[in-house]
Structure formats: structure tokens, C-alpha cells
């Protein structure tokens, strides 16, 4: 089979990742609340809408989409008891020494620099908002999902931190820009938004 013809279209991957998050009860707004809580002390005029735009931009990254698809698939297979042993028990119990969930999530934050990496570590340790709910939800397996949500939030927060620097250099704040300008890369000619 020709590699070119066997590629999955970007929109197919993006739609599948977004659907997987919805299926597991993860909304852009819930992730944005985590981002807002982390970034509001540093960003005058920041709104939840700015944070939602940042989360949406992060979810357009192919690496993040791939991490979401792999992690959620493994969680769902574990819920159906379809993994082989001992992996089934390890994933189902979210065993403390199992770090593959963090490794997949951490790999997807590197696009956003060291601030995203340290923010991910903070969220993995402190489990804010939806991350805490997923980590403690009985009857469901979220071994990968709680870390993926931390990864999305850390990446979105990092994007805002970098945008803050751009705004400061222009003597502006988030008060001065509408939410749709939170993602300046979307203003580049030819970029699909």
C-alpha cells in the first residue's frame, strides 16, 4: 500500500480526538477553567473565553490528538477488561509505578516549551478541577485521561504565558484583545482555523 494513500486526513484525526474527549465527559470549558485558575494571577483582563480559545488551539495539534486517541483507547479497553494481563490490572488500578500514562501526556506538551513541562508536573501533582474528578471517579478507568487533561491544560496555559509576553511588548493586556486573537498563529495567511 502506498504510504501517501494510506494517510489519515487531519480533520478525521481532529474530529476523532474531540469526539473521544466528549465521550469521556471532557469539555473545552472544564479544561479552560483549569487554565484560567492557573493564569489569572499573571494576566490582566484574561477571561475564560481567552482560555477556551487557547485550549481549542492546543487540540488542533496532531501530537496532542494522537496522545488523546491512544490514551483514551487504552482506558476504554481497560474498562471493558480487554487488555492482556498484567497490563489490564496495572491500567485498571492506575498502579503508582506505571508511568506510561504520564509519559504519553508529557510527550505532547514539549511543543509548548519548558513552561508547559513544569506546568504539567504541577498539575499532575496537584490535580486541579476536572483532573481531580477524573483521578477519583469510581467505576471508570481514567489512568490516561487525567494526565491527558493535565497535558492539554498545561499546553494551553503555556500558550497564554507566551502570548502575555507578546502583549507586554506591545504595551497591551488581554483586556485589549478579543478571545479569537488569543491564537495569533491563526491569523497567518493560509492557516486553517
Protein backbone atom coordinates (compact mmCIF):
# COMPACT_ATOMS: atom_id res chain seq x y z
CA UNK A 1 0.00 0.00 0.00
CA UNK A 2 1.28 3.45 -0.92
CA UNK A 3 2.07 5.45 2.23
CA UNK A 4 0.61 8.59 0.68
CA UNK A 5 -2.81 6.99 0.07
CA UNK A 6 -2.92 5.33 3.50
CA UNK A 7 -2.62 8.59 5.45
CA UNK A 8 -5.49 9.59 7.67
CA UNK A 9 -6.76 13.08 6.89
CA UNK A 10 -6.04 15.72 9.54
CA UNK A 11 -9.71 16.58 10.02
CA UNK A 12 -10.53 12.91 10.62
CA UNK A 13 -7.90 12.71 13.38
CA UNK A 14 -9.00 16.02 14.92
CA UNK A 15 -12.67 15.00 14.91
CA UNK A 16 -11.87 11.59 16.41
CA UNK A 17 -9.81 13.13 19.23
CA UNK A 18 -12.51 15.70 20.03
CA UNK A 19 -15.20 13.02 19.97
CA UNK A 20 -13.14 10.79 22.27
CA UNK A 21 -12.86 13.64 24.79
CA UNK A 22 -16.62 14.33 24.59
CA UNK A 23 -17.37 10.64 25.00
CA UNK A 24 -15.31 10.62 28.21
CA UNK A 25 -17.02 13.75 29.56
CA UNK A 26 -14.21 16.24 28.93
CA UNK A 27 -15.33 19.66 27.71
CA UNK A 28 -13.25 22.57 26.49
CA UNK A 29 -14.82 24.75 29.18
CA UNK A 30 -13.81 22.42 32.02
CA UNK A 31 -10.21 22.34 30.79
CA UNK A 32 -10.30 26.13 30.29
CA UNK A 33 -11.34 26.58 33.94
CA UNK A 34 -8.08 24.93 35.00
CA UNK A 35 -6.13 27.16 32.63
CA UNK A 36 -7.93 30.26 33.89
CA UNK A 37 -7.25 29.41 37.54
CA UNK A 38 -3.55 28.98 36.81
CA UNK A 39 -3.14 32.06 34.60
CA UNK A 40 -5.44 34.73 36.04
CA UNK A 41 -2.90 35.92 38.67
CA UNK A 42 -0.48 36.81 35.86
CA UNK A 43 -2.78 38.13 33.14
CA UNK A 44 -4.80 41.33 33.46
CA UNK A 45 -8.05 41.08 31.55
CA UNK A 46 -7.86 37.33 30.97
CA UNK A 47 -11.28 35.74 30.51
CA UNK A 48 -12.49 32.17 30.38
CA UNK A 49 -13.12 32.78 26.67
CA UNK A 50 -9.41 33.52 26.10
CA UNK A 51 -8.63 30.25 27.88
CA UNK A 52 -11.14 28.33 25.79
CA UNK A 53 -9.55 29.66 22.60
CA UNK A 54 -6.15 28.52 23.84
CA UNK A 55 -7.49 25.04 24.63
CA UNK A 56 -9.05 24.82 21.16
CA UNK A 57 -5.71 25.74 19.59
CA UNK A 58 -3.90 23.06 21.58
CA UNK A 59 -6.45 20.47 20.45
CA UNK A 60 -5.58 21.26 16.82
CA UNK A 61 -2.05 19.87 17.30
CA UNK A 62 -1.62 16.43 15.75
CA UNK A 63 0.70 15.24 18.54
CA UNK A 64 -1.94 16.09 21.16
CA UNK A 65 -4.63 14.37 19.09
CA UNK A 66 -2.55 11.22 18.83
CA UNK A 67 -1.91 11.16 22.58
CA UNK A 68 -5.64 11.60 23.25
CA UNK A 69 -6.60 8.78 20.88
CA UNK A 70 -4.06 6.33 22.31
CA UNK A 71 -4.71 7.15 25.97
CA UNK A 72 -8.49 7.11 25.78
CA UNK A 73 -8.45 3.88 23.77
CA UNK A 74 -6.36 2.19 26.46
CA UNK A 75 -8.65 3.48 29.24
CA UNK A 76 -11.73 2.22 27.40
CA UNK A 77 -10.18 -1.17 26.67
CA UNK A 78 -9.27 -1.48 30.36
CA UNK A 79 -12.89 -0.68 31.34
CA UNK A 80 -14.04 -3.49 29.04
CA UNK A 81 -11.35 -5.78 30.51
CA UNK A 82 -9.87 -6.26 27.04
CA UNK A 83 -6.18 -5.74 27.85
CA UNK A 84 -3.93 -8.71 28.46
CA UNK A 85 -2.61 -9.40 31.94
CA UNK A 86 -0.75 -7.98 33.73
CA UNK A 87 -1.36 -4.74 31.75
CA UNK A 88 -5.10 -4.98 32.44
CA UNK A 89 -4.60 -4.90 36.19
CA UNK A 90 -1.90 -2.22 36.02
CA UNK A 91 -4.02 0.17 33.95
CA UNK A 92 -7.27 -0.61 35.74
CA UNK A 93 -5.73 0.10 39.15
CA UNK A 94 -3.62 3.05 37.91
CA UNK A 95 -0.62 1.47 39.59
CA UNK A 96 1.72 4.04 41.13
CA UNK A 97 4.88 2.83 39.39
CA UNK A 98 3.19 2.76 35.98
CA UNK A 99 4.44 5.93 34.29
CA UNK A 100 3.41 5.30 30.71
CA UNK A 101 0.30 7.46 31.18
CA UNK A 102 2.43 10.43 32.25
CA UNK A 103 4.98 9.71 29.53
CA UNK A 104 2.38 9.88 26.74
CA UNK A 105 0.84 13.05 28.18
CA UNK A 106 4.21 14.68 28.81
CA UNK A 107 5.37 13.95 25.27
CA UNK A 108 2.56 16.08 23.88
CA UNK A 109 3.46 19.21 25.92
CA UNK A 110 7.00 19.60 24.55
CA UNK A 111 5.71 21.70 21.66
CA UNK A 112 4.96 24.47 24.15
CA UNK A 113 8.34 24.66 25.86
CA UNK A 114 9.71 24.17 29.33
CA UNK A 115 6.94 26.21 30.96
CA UNK A 116 4.43 23.63 29.70
CA UNK A 117 6.56 20.80 31.06
CA UNK A 118 6.78 22.34 34.55
CA UNK A 119 3.09 23.26 34.49
CA UNK A 120 2.24 19.66 33.58
CA UNK A 121 4.28 18.47 36.58
CA UNK A 122 2.39 20.89 38.82
CA UNK A 123 -0.99 19.70 37.54
CA UNK A 124 -0.01 16.04 37.76
CA UNK A 125 0.92 16.55 41.40
CA UNK A 126 -1.89 18.93 42.48
CA UNK A 127 -4.77 17.61 40.30
CA UNK A 128 -6.90 20.74 39.92
CA UNK A 129 -10.55 20.79 38.86
CA UNK A 130 -11.54 18.19 36.28
CA UNK A 131 -8.19 16.40 36.68
CA UNK A 132 -9.06 15.60 40.31
CA UNK A 133 -12.56 14.44 39.36
CA UNK A 134 -11.18 12.09 36.72
CA UNK A 135 -8.48 10.77 39.03
CA UNK A 136 -11.01 9.81 41.72
CA UNK A 137 -14.03 8.77 39.61
CA UNK A 138 -15.22 5.35 40.72
CA UNK A 139 -16.37 2.81 38.15
CA UNK A 140 -14.40 4.31 35.28
CA UNK A 141 -10.80 3.94 34.19
CA UNK A 142 -9.11 7.29 33.63
CA UNK A 143 -5.50 6.21 34.06
CA UNK A 144 -4.52 8.06 30.89
CA UNK A 145 -7.29 10.66 30.68
CA UNK A 146 -6.47 12.60 33.85
CA UNK A 147 -2.89 13.05 32.59
CA UNK A 148 -4.08 13.98 29.12
CA UNK A 149 -6.32 16.70 30.55
CA UNK A 150 -3.33 17.97 32.55
CA UNK A 151 -1.32 17.99 29.32
CA UNK A 152 -3.96 19.96 27.42
CA UNK A 153 -4.33 22.46 30.28
CA UNK A 154 -0.55 22.85 30.69
CA UNK A 155 -0.11 23.46 26.98
CA UNK A 156 -2.96 25.98 26.84
CA UNK A 157 -1.59 27.81 29.89
CA UNK A 158 1.85 27.92 28.32
CA UNK A 159 0.42 29.38 25.11
CA UNK A 160 -1.18 32.12 27.18
CA UNK A 161 2.06 32.81 29.02
CA UNK A 162 3.85 33.24 25.70
CA UNK A 163 1.00 35.42 24.39
CA UNK A 164 1.27 37.54 27.55
CA UNK A 165 4.87 38.33 26.66
CA UNK A 166 3.80 39.38 23.15
CA UNK A 167 1.13 41.63 24.64
CA UNK A 168 3.52 43.17 27.18
CA UNK A 169 5.95 44.04 24.40
CA UNK A 170 3.09 45.82 22.60
CA UNK A 171 2.03 47.57 25.85
CA UNK A 172 -1.23 45.63 25.85
CA UNK A 173 -3.04 43.12 28.06
CA UNK A 174 -5.77 40.57 27.47
CA UNK A 175 -8.17 43.48 28.04
CA UNK A 176 -7.00 44.75 24.65
CA UNK A 177 -7.64 41.64 22.55
CA UNK A 178 -10.75 39.60 21.81
CA UNK A 179 -10.61 35.88 22.60
CA UNK A 180 -10.21 34.94 18.93
CA UNK A 181 -6.85 36.77 18.93
CA UNK A 182 -5.58 34.54 21.74
CA UNK A 183 -4.23 32.31 18.99
CA UNK A 184 -2.16 34.71 16.88
CA UNK A 185 -0.89 31.87 14.69
CA UNK A 186 -4.41 31.54 13.30
CA UNK A 187 -4.02 34.97 11.66
CA UNK A 188 -1.31 33.69 9.32
CA UNK A 189 -2.44 33.58 5.69
CA UNK A 190 -3.35 30.04 4.63
CA UNK A 191 -3.73 28.60 8.16
CA UNK A 192 -6.89 26.58 8.68
CA UNK A 193 -8.70 27.57 11.87
